[in-house]
Amino acid sequence: MINTFDKKFELRYFEMNKFGVASPIAILTLLEETAAEHCLDIDHCLYSLESQNIGWVLVSGIIDMIRYPKYKEKIAIRTWISKYTLVRGYRENIIFDDTGCVIGMAKGIWVFYDIKNRKPVPIIDQIKLKWGVNPKISQEADADTLMDIHDSHHQIEYDIFKSDVDSYKHVNNIRYLHWLIESLPDDILDNYVLKRLNARFFSEGKFGEKIRVYRNNDMDTNAYFHTMRSSIDNRLIAAAQTEWKKNPA
């Protein structure tokens, strides 16, 4: 495939969950690492961008896992940009095992962002030129579709600590997945694995706030709807839909 970038990984012990396979958080982390290396590959690493008060912020994303890799298993993540707008890059990902079989797919919409002024800015032309475009998509699902928001009576609250905040001074999207998973009932965490995650980010969570995580679910399909709101002003920070399948083990 043209205009793609491949990154290889060997799964490590601390990336495993209690089932002995990579956790959803580990997969999201590896996807972000691949995107960061794709930036480095064209001489626009995240730190050099940050020194100019600009960077990339994830506004929505979808992950669909066929299976999770095991301890010491070797995988490759292929990533590319399928489309640009003035301020957005549409990133596609396919996860392969060491035999070349597809074990997962992901896509995300990233906004090029002025960190100091907290607003989107046009993507640098040189970045678009060096990355190029490959119109192939990793999956049919649309990460740009508006999501229905479902608040419910179930609620759990988390403090935002300094360790939750990244160099952009807001909560990193991986932390939201931590909180989402922690809010789920034990039966799901003990007997099911995350098949699909569809997430949207609406505003920034910041140090000193508390995050309230709400959920409701469809018992027939093991699908959950999640919202995360600030305890200070109740503003919507993030929303997600998750689908869980029975652990094959």
C-alpha atoms as a PDB file:
ATOM      1  CA  MET A   1       0.000   0.000   0.000  1.00  0.00           C
ATOM      2  CA  ILE A   2       1.232   3.493  -0.829  1.00  0.00           C
ATOM      3  CA  ASN A   3       1.602   6.265   1.747  1.00  0.00           C
ATOM      4  CA  THR A   4       1.441   3.882   4.711  1.00  0.00           C
ATOM      5  CA  PHE A   5       3.676   3.423   7.742  1.00  0.00           C
ATOM      6  CA  ASP A   6       4.265   0.124   9.581  1.00  0.00           C
ATOM      7  CA  LYS A   7       5.373  -0.255  13.190  1.00  0.00           C
ATOM      8  CA  LYS A   8       6.215  -3.636  14.748  1.00  0.00           C
ATOM      9  CA  PHE A   9       5.739  -4.555  18.410  1.00  0.00           C
ATOM     10  CA  GLU A  10       6.360  -7.522  20.675  1.00  0.00           C
ATOM     11  CA  LEU A  11       3.756  -7.668  23.422  1.00  0.00           C
ATOM     12  CA  ARG A  12       5.153  -7.293  26.930  1.00  0.00           C
ATOM     13  CA  TYR A  13       4.008  -8.720  30.259  1.00  0.00           C
ATOM     14  CA  PHE A  14       2.751  -5.436  31.715  1.00  0.00           C
ATOM     15  CA  GLU A  15       0.504  -4.998  28.658  1.00  0.00           C
ATOM     16  CA  MET A  16      -1.394  -8.196  29.463  1.00  0.00           C
ATOM     17  CA  ASN A  17      -4.713  -8.441  31.276  1.00  0.00           C
ATOM     18  CA  LYS A  18      -5.734 -11.248  33.590  1.00  0.00           C
ATOM     19  CA  PHE A  19      -6.689 -13.405  30.601  1.00  0.00           C
ATOM     20  CA  GLY A  20      -3.091 -13.339  29.358  1.00  0.00           C
ATOM     21  CA  VAL A  21      -3.808 -11.187  26.303  1.00  0.00           C
ATOM     22  CA  ALA A  22      -3.167  -7.522  25.609  1.00  0.00           C
ATOM     23  CA  SER A  23      -5.599  -5.187  27.360  1.00  0.00           C
ATOM     24  CA  PRO A  24      -7.696  -2.686  25.393  1.00  0.00           C
ATOM     25  CA  ILE A  25      -5.653   0.067  27.059  1.00  0.00           C
ATOM     26  CA  ALA A  26      -2.444  -1.524  25.730  1.00  0.00           C
ATOM     27  CA  ILE A  27      -3.870  -1.644  22.209  1.00  0.00           C
ATOM     28  CA  LEU A  28      -4.898   2.024  22.349  1.00  0.00           C
ATOM     29  CA  THR A  29      -1.421   2.905  23.651  1.00  0.00           C
ATOM     30  CA  LEU A  30       0.256   1.047  20.775  1.00  0.00           C
ATOM     31  CA  LEU A  31      -1.987   2.788  18.261  1.00  0.00           C
ATOM     32  CA  GLU A  32      -0.976   6.164  19.677  1.00  0.00           C
ATOM     33  CA  GLU A  33       2.695   5.164  19.659  1.00  0.00           C
ATOM     34  CA  THR A  34       2.395   4.218  15.994  1.00  0.00           C
ATOM     35  CA  ALA A  35       0.840   7.585  15.167  1.00  0.00           C
ATOM     36  CA  ALA A  36       3.624   9.348  17.096  1.00  0.00           C
ATOM     37  CA  GLU A  37       6.288   7.435  15.166  1.00  0.00           C
ATOM     38  CA  HIS A  38       4.533   8.289  11.910  1.00  0.00           C
ATOM     39  CA  CYS A  39       5.004  11.945  12.902  1.00  0.00           C
ATOM     40  CA  LEU A  40       8.674  11.322  13.694  1.00  0.00           C
ATOM     41  CA  ASP A  41       9.147   9.553  10.363  1.00  0.00           C
ATOM     42  CA  ILE A  42       8.415  12.806   8.484  1.00  0.00           C
ATOM     43  CA  ASP A  43      10.533  14.969  10.815  1.00  0.00           C
ATOM     44  CA  HIS A  44       7.542  16.524  12.570  1.00  0.00           C
ATOM     45  CA  CYS A  45       7.711  14.700  15.906  1.00  0.00           C
ATOM     46  CA  LEU A  46       5.236  15.621  18.602  1.00  0.00           C
ATOM     47  CA  TYR A  47       7.874  17.357  20.708  1.00  0.00           C
ATOM     48  CA  SER A  48       9.067  19.564  17.854  1.00  0.00           C
ATOM     49  CA  LEU A  49       5.453  20.493  17.129  1.00  0.00           C
ATOM     50  CA  GLU A  50       4.846  21.213  20.803  1.00  0.00           C
ATOM     51  CA  SER A  51       7.826  23.580  20.858  1.00  0.00           C
ATOM     52  CA  GLN A  52       5.838  25.591  18.294  1.00  0.00           C
ATOM     53  CA  ASN A  53       2.677  25.413  20.488  1.00  0.00           C
ATOM     54  CA  ILE A  54       0.912  23.106  18.035  1.00  0.00           C
ATOM     55  CA  GLY A  55      -0.018  19.437  18.087  1.00  0.00           C
ATOM     56  CA  TRP A  56      -2.631  16.783  17.355  1.00  0.00           C
ATOM     57  CA  VAL A  57      -5.748  16.217  19.474  1.00  0.00           C
ATOM     58  CA  LEU A  58      -8.012  13.174  19.066  1.00  0.00           C
ATOM     59  CA  VAL A  59     -11.682  14.111  18.675  1.00  0.00           C
ATOM     60  CA  SER A  60     -13.176  10.703  17.823  1.00  0.00           C
ATOM     61  CA  GLY A  61     -12.137   7.128  17.269  1.00  0.00           C
ATOM     62  CA  ILE A  62     -13.299   3.568  16.672  1.00  0.00           C
ATOM     63  CA  ILE A  63     -11.472   0.349  17.566  1.00  0.00           C
ATOM     64  CA  ASP A  64     -12.761  -3.064  16.461  1.00  0.00           C
ATOM     65  CA  MET A  65     -10.801  -6.105  17.689  1.00  0.00           C
ATOM     66  CA  ILE A  66     -11.132  -9.559  16.169  1.00  0.00           C
ATOM     67  CA  ARG A  67      -8.811 -10.963  18.822  1.00  0.00           C
ATOM     68  CA  TYR A  68      -6.202  -9.644  21.252  1.00  0.00           C
ATOM     69  CA  PRO A  69      -2.523 -10.649  20.927  1.00  0.00           C
ATOM     70  CA  LYS A  70      -0.892 -12.814  23.588  1.00  0.00           C
ATOM     71  CA  TYR A  71       2.239 -12.313  25.680  1.00  0.00           C
ATOM     72  CA  LYS A  72       5.392 -12.113  23.508  1.00  0.00           C
ATOM     73  CA  GLU A  73       3.325 -12.262  20.333  1.00  0.00           C
ATOM     74  CA  LYS A  74       4.659 -10.071  17.525  1.00  0.00           C
ATOM     75  CA  ILE A  75       2.239  -7.731  15.787  1.00  0.00           C
ATOM     76  CA  ALA A  76       2.460  -4.936  13.226  1.00  0.00           C
ATOM     77  CA  ILE A  77       0.296  -1.835  13.035  1.00  0.00           C
ATOM     78  CA  ARG A  78      -0.118  -0.211   9.636  1.00  0.00           C
ATOM     79  CA  THR A  79      -1.308   3.392   9.679  1.00  0.00           C
ATOM     80  CA  TRP A  80      -2.077   6.017   7.046  1.00  0.00           C
ATOM     81  CA  ILE A  81      -4.119   9.165   6.412  1.00  0.00           C
ATOM     82  CA  SER A  82      -7.207   8.585   4.272  1.00  0.00           C
ATOM     83  CA  LYS A  83      -8.391  12.200   4.104  1.00  0.00           C
ATOM     84  CA  TYR A  84      -7.617  15.746   5.184  1.00  0.00           C
ATOM     85  CA  THR A  85      -9.744  18.795   5.792  1.00  0.00           C
ATOM     86  CA  LEU A  86      -8.327  22.198   6.657  1.00  0.00           C
ATOM     87  CA  VAL A  87      -7.731  21.233  10.303  1.00  0.00           C
ATOM     88  CA  ARG A  88      -8.436  17.470  10.451  1.00  0.00           C
ATOM     89  CA  GLY A  89      -6.550  14.333   9.557  1.00  0.00           C
ATOM     90  CA  TYR A  90      -8.442  11.040   9.198  1.00  0.00           C
ATOM     91  CA  ARG A  91      -6.123   8.267  10.411  1.00  0.00           C
ATOM     92  CA  GLU A  92      -6.671   4.595   9.549  1.00  0.00           C
ATOM     93  CA  ASN A  93      -5.047   1.573  11.227  1.00  0.00           C
ATOM     94  CA  ILE A  94      -4.916  -2.171  10.656  1.00  0.00           C
ATOM     95  CA  ILE A  95      -3.366  -4.535  13.217  1.00  0.00           C
ATOM     96  CA  PHE A  96      -1.729  -7.720  11.867  1.00  0.00           C
ATOM     97  CA  ASP A  97      -0.382 -10.775  13.659  1.00  0.00           C
ATOM     98  CA  ASP A  98       2.970 -12.266  12.628  1.00  0.00           C
ATOM     99  CA  THR A  99       1.283 -14.470  10.002  1.00  0.00           C
ATOM    100  CA  GLY A 100      -0.216 -11.440   8.283  1.00  0.00           C
ATOM    101  CA  CYS A 101      -3.771 -12.035   9.496  1.00  0.00           C
ATOM    102  CA  VAL A 102      -5.811  -9.002  10.478  1.00  0.00           C
ATOM    103  CA  ILE A 103      -6.646  -9.060  14.205  1.00  0.00           C
ATOM    104  CA  GLY A 104      -7.941  -5.512  14.641  1.00  0.00           C
ATOM    105  CA  MET A 105      -8.883  -2.260  12.923  1.00  0.00           C
ATOM    106  CA  ALA A 106      -9.052   1.303  14.140  1.00  0.00           C
ATOM    107  CA  LYS A 107      -9.661   4.785  12.853  1.00  0.00           C
ATOM    108  CA  GLY A 108      -9.504   8.214  14.404  1.00  0.00           C
ATOM    109  CA  ILE A 109     -10.069  11.845  13.562  1.00  0.00           C
ATOM    110  CA  TRP A 110      -7.288  14.125  14.756  1.00  0.00           C
ATOM    111  CA  VAL A 111      -7.458  17.913  14.864  1.00  0.00           C
ATOM    112  CA  PHE A 112      -4.363  20.053  14.370  1.00  0.00           C
ATOM    113  CA  TYR A 113      -4.413  22.285  17.421  1.00  0.00           C
ATOM    114  CA  ASP A 114      -2.993  25.544  18.766  1.00  0.00           C
ATOM    115  CA  ILE A 115      -2.060  24.489  22.308  1.00  0.00           C
ATOM    116  CA  LYS A 116      -1.639  28.016  23.655  1.00  0.00           C
ATOM    117  CA  ASN A 117      -4.853  29.484  22.240  1.00  0.00           C
ATOM    118  CA  ARG A 118      -6.855  26.216  22.568  1.00  0.00           C
ATOM    119  CA  LYS A 119      -8.265  26.210  19.049  1.00  0.00           C
ATOM    120  CA  PRO A 120      -7.840  24.277  15.761  1.00  0.00           C
ATOM    121  CA  VAL A 121      -5.432  25.635  13.165  1.00  0.00           C
ATOM    122  CA  PRO A 122      -4.710  24.650   9.523  1.00  0.00           C
ATOM    123  CA  ILE A 123      -2.506  21.587   9.089  1.00  0.00           C
ATOM    124  CA  ILE A 124       1.008  22.455   7.922  1.00  0.00           C
ATOM    125  CA  ASP A 125       1.240  21.862   4.173  1.00  0.00           C
ATOM    126  CA  GLN A 126       4.556  20.041   4.516  1.00  0.00           C
ATOM    127  CA  ILE A 127       2.968  17.469   6.829  1.00  0.00           C
ATOM    128  CA  LYS A 128       0.234  16.736   4.300  1.00  0.00           C
ATOM    129  CA  LEU A 129       2.776  16.536   1.492  1.00  0.00           C
ATOM    130  CA  LYS A 130       5.094  14.125   3.351  1.00  0.00           C
ATOM    131  CA  TRP A 131       2.359  11.844   4.651  1.00  0.00           C
ATOM    132  CA  GLY A 132       0.344  11.937   1.477  1.00  0.00           C
ATOM    133  CA  VAL A 133      -3.130  10.410   1.230  1.00  0.00           C
ATOM    134  CA  ASN A 134      -4.302   6.857   0.770  1.00  0.00           C
ATOM    135  CA  PRO A 135      -8.099   6.831   0.349  1.00  0.00           C
ATOM    136  CA  LYS A 136      -8.437   3.188   1.445  1.00  0.00           C
ATOM    137  CA  ILE A 137     -10.366   2.876   4.727  1.00  0.00           C
ATOM    138  CA  SER A 138      -9.738   0.348   7.480  1.00  0.00           C
ATOM    139  CA  GLN A 139     -13.436  -0.254   8.182  1.00  0.00           C
ATOM    140  CA  GLU A 140     -16.812   0.989   7.015  1.00  0.00           C
ATOM    141  CA  ALA A 141     -17.781   2.616  10.317  1.00  0.00           C
ATOM    142  CA  ASP A 142     -17.785   6.420  10.236  1.00  0.00           C
ATOM    143  CA  ALA A 143     -15.889   8.120  13.070  1.00  0.00           C
ATOM    144  CA  ASP A 144     -17.468  11.436  12.022  1.00  0.00           C
ATOM    145  CA  THR A 145     -21.072  10.392  12.747  1.00  0.00           C
ATOM    146  CA  LEU A 146     -22.833  12.165  15.589  1.00  0.00           C
ATOM    147  CA  MET A 147     -23.355   9.967  18.636  1.00  0.00           C
ATOM    148  CA  ASP A 148     -26.530   9.697  20.688  1.00  0.00           C
ATOM    149  CA  ILE A 149     -25.868  10.765  24.263  1.00  0.00           C
ATOM    150  CA  HIS A 150     -27.263   8.497  26.989  1.00  0.00           C
ATOM    151  CA  ASP A 151     -26.970   9.639  30.599  1.00  0.00           C
ATOM    152  CA  SER A 152     -28.210   7.208  33.224  1.00  0.00           C
ATOM    153  CA  HIS A 153     -28.586   6.947  36.973  1.00  0.00           C
ATOM    154  CA  HIS A 154     -25.474   4.846  37.420  1.00  0.00           C
ATOM    155  CA  GLN A 155     -22.533   7.057  38.302  1.00  0.00           C
ATOM    156  CA  ILE A 156     -18.967   6.757  39.542  1.00  0.00           C
ATOM    157  CA  GLU A 157     -16.676   9.726  40.160  1.00  0.00           C
ATOM    158  CA  TYR A 158     -12.922  10.102  39.663  1.00  0.00           C
ATOM    159  CA  ASP A 159     -10.537  12.879  40.611  1.00  0.00           C
ATOM    160  CA  ILE A 160      -8.311  14.253  37.865  1.00  0.00           C
ATOM    161  CA  PHE A 161      -4.772  14.139  39.233  1.00  0.00           C
ATOM    162  CA  LYS A 162      -1.600  15.633  37.776  1.00  0.00           C
ATOM    163  CA  SER A 163      -0.617  12.187  36.492  1.00  0.00           C
ATOM    164  CA  ASP A 164      -3.793  12.101  34.374  1.00  0.00           C
ATOM    165  CA  VAL A 165      -2.877  15.260  32.455  1.00  0.00           C
ATOM    166  CA  ASP A 166      -0.548  15.286  29.443  1.00  0.00           C
ATOM    167  CA  SER A 167       1.781  17.982  28.124  1.00  0.00           C
ATOM    168  CA  TYR A 168      -1.185  19.709  26.470  1.00  0.00           C
ATOM    169  CA  LYS A 169      -2.598  20.335  29.981  1.00  0.00           C
ATOM    170  CA  HIS A 170      -5.640  18.133  29.477  1.00  0.00           C
ATOM    171  CA  VAL A 171      -6.586  14.535  30.226  1.00  0.00           C
ATOM    172  CA  ASN A 172      -5.117  12.111  27.716  1.00  0.00           C
ATOM    173  CA  ASN A 173      -7.718  10.006  25.897  1.00  0.00           C
ATOM    174  CA  ILE A 174      -6.173   6.776  27.218  1.00  0.00           C
ATOM    175  CA  ARG A 175      -7.118   7.825  30.752  1.00  0.00           C
ATOM    176  CA  TYR A 176     -10.786   8.014  29.749  1.00  0.00           C
ATOM    177  CA  LEU A 177     -10.657   4.370  28.691  1.00  0.00           C
ATOM    178  CA  HIS A 178      -9.224   3.504  32.130  1.00  0.00           C
ATOM    179  CA  TRP A 179     -12.180   5.202  33.832  1.00  0.00           C
ATOM    180  CA  LEU A 180     -14.715   3.685  31.445  1.00  0.00           C
ATOM    181  CA  ILE A 181     -13.460   0.163  32.114  1.00  0.00           C
ATOM    182  CA  GLU A 182     -13.285   0.735  35.882  1.00  0.00           C
ATOM    183  CA  SER A 183     -16.940   1.761  35.881  1.00  0.00           C
ATOM    184  CA  LEU A 184     -18.171  -1.543  34.424  1.00  0.00           C
ATOM    185  CA  PRO A 185     -19.701  -4.373  36.500  1.00  0.00           C
ATOM    186  CA  ASP A 186     -17.480  -7.253  37.623  1.00  0.00           C
ATOM    187  CA  ASP A 187     -19.398  -9.773  35.526  1.00  0.00           C
ATOM    188  CA  ILE A 188     -18.394  -7.995  32.320  1.00  0.00           C
ATOM    189  CA  LEU A 189     -14.761  -7.565  33.345  1.00  0.00           C
ATOM    190  CA  ASP A 190     -14.499 -11.177  34.560  1.00  0.00           C
ATOM    191  CA  ASN A 191     -16.157 -12.903  31.623  1.00  0.00           C
ATOM    192  CA  TYR A 192     -16.071 -10.665  28.561  1.00  0.00           C
ATOM    193  CA  VAL A 193     -13.564  -8.859  26.340  1.00  0.00           C
ATOM    194  CA  LEU A 194     -14.016  -5.529  24.602  1.00  0.00           C
ATOM    195  CA  LYS A 195     -14.972  -6.138  20.979  1.00  0.00           C
ATOM    196  CA  ARG A 196     -15.641  -2.583  19.864  1.00  0.00           C
ATOM    197  CA  LEU A 197     -15.103   0.941  21.178  1.00  0.00           C
ATOM    198  CA  ASN A 198     -16.618   4.032  19.569  1.00  0.00           C
ATOM    199  CA  ALA A 199     -15.632   7.240  21.381  1.00  0.00           C
ATOM    200  CA  ARG A 200     -16.141  10.998  20.973  1.00  0.00           C
ATOM    201  CA  PHE A 201     -14.431  13.840  22.834  1.00  0.00           C
ATOM    202  CA  PHE A 202     -16.317  17.105  23.309  1.00  0.00           C
ATOM    203  CA  SER A 203     -14.322  19.220  25.773  1.00  0.00           C
ATOM    204  CA  GLU A 204     -11.152  19.087  27.829  1.00  0.00           C
ATOM    205  CA  GLY A 205     -10.921  17.457  31.240  1.00  0.00           C
ATOM    206  CA  LYS A 206      -8.460  19.388  33.394  1.00  0.00           C
ATOM    207  CA  PHE A 207      -6.460  18.911  36.587  1.00  0.00           C
ATOM    208  CA  GLY A 208      -8.487  19.658  39.716  1.00  0.00           C
ATOM    209  CA  GLU A 209     -11.835  18.600  38.252  1.00  0.00           C
ATOM    210  CA  LYS A 210     -13.733  15.445  39.032  1.00  0.00           C
ATOM    211  CA  ILE A 211     -15.084  13.276  36.230  1.00  0.00           C
ATOM    212  CA  ARG A 212     -18.486  11.649  36.621  1.00  0.00           C
ATOM    213  CA  VAL A 213     -18.881   8.490  34.539  1.00  0.00           C
ATOM    214  CA  TYR A 214     -22.438   7.439  33.674  1.00  0.00           C
ATOM    215  CA  ARG A 215     -23.503   4.256  31.934  1.00  0.00           C
ATOM    216  CA  ASN A 216     -26.505   2.298  30.775  1.00  0.00           C
ATOM    217  CA  ASN A 217     -26.621  -0.912  28.808  1.00  0.00           C
ATOM    218  CA  ASP A 218     -28.532  -3.262  26.583  1.00  0.00           C
ATOM    219  CA  MET A 219     -28.578  -6.573  28.477  1.00  0.00           C
ATOM    220  CA  ASP A 220     -29.434  -8.525  25.314  1.00  0.00           C
ATOM    221  CA  THR A 221     -26.345  -7.451  23.387  1.00  0.00           C
ATOM    222  CA  ASN A 222     -23.821  -6.583  26.128  1.00  0.00           C
ATOM    223  CA  ALA A 223     -23.549  -3.090  24.649  1.00  0.00           C
ATOM    224  CA  TYR A 224     -22.948  -0.127  26.940  1.00  0.00           C
ATOM    225  CA  PHE A 225     -23.410   3.610  26.532  1.00  0.00           C
ATOM    226  CA  HIS A 226     -21.054   5.835  28.510  1.00  0.00           C
ATOM    227  CA  THR A 227     -20.906   9.557  29.188  1.00  0.00           C
ATOM    228  CA  MET A 228     -18.329  11.515  31.140  1.00  0.00           C
ATOM    229  CA  ARG A 229     -19.164  14.908  32.604  1.00  0.00           C
ATOM    230  CA  SER A 230     -17.431  17.478  34.760  1.00  0.00           C
ATOM    231  CA  SER A 231     -18.603  17.585  38.364  1.00  0.00           C
ATOM    232  CA  ILE A 232     -18.051  21.363  38.321  1.00  0.00           C
ATOM    233  CA  ASP A 233     -20.398  22.481  35.538  1.00  0.00           C
ATOM    234  CA  ASN A 234     -21.833  19.190  34.198  1.00  0.00           C
ATOM    235  CA  ARG A 235     -20.407  19.871  30.751  1.00  0.00           C
ATOM    236  CA  LEU A 236     -20.077  16.862  28.480  1.00  0.00           C
ATOM    237  CA  ILE A 237     -16.431  15.840  28.164  1.00  0.00           C
ATOM    238  CA  ALA A 238     -16.613  12.472  26.395  1.00  0.00           C
ATOM    239  CA  ALA A 239     -19.072   9.817  25.288  1.00  0.00           C
ATOM    240  CA  ALA A 240     -18.591   6.248  24.120  1.00  0.00           C
ATOM    241  CA  GLN A 241     -20.332   3.077  23.055  1.00  0.00           C
ATOM    242  CA  THR A 242     -18.762  -0.297  23.852  1.00  0.00           C
ATOM    243  CA  GLU A 243     -19.617  -3.822  22.750  1.00  0.00           C
ATOM    244  CA  TRP A 244     -18.403  -6.842  24.715  1.00  0.00           C
ATOM    245  CA  LYS A 245     -18.129 -10.490  23.660  1.00  0.00           C
ATOM    246  CA  LYS A 246     -17.768 -13.603  25.770  1.00  0.00           C
ATOM    247  CA  ASN A 247     -14.150 -14.362  26.585  1.00  0.00           C
ATOM    248  CA  PRO A 248     -13.220 -17.300  24.303  1.00  0.00           C
ATOM    249  CA  ALA A 249     -10.922 -18.698  27.000  1.00  0.00           C
END
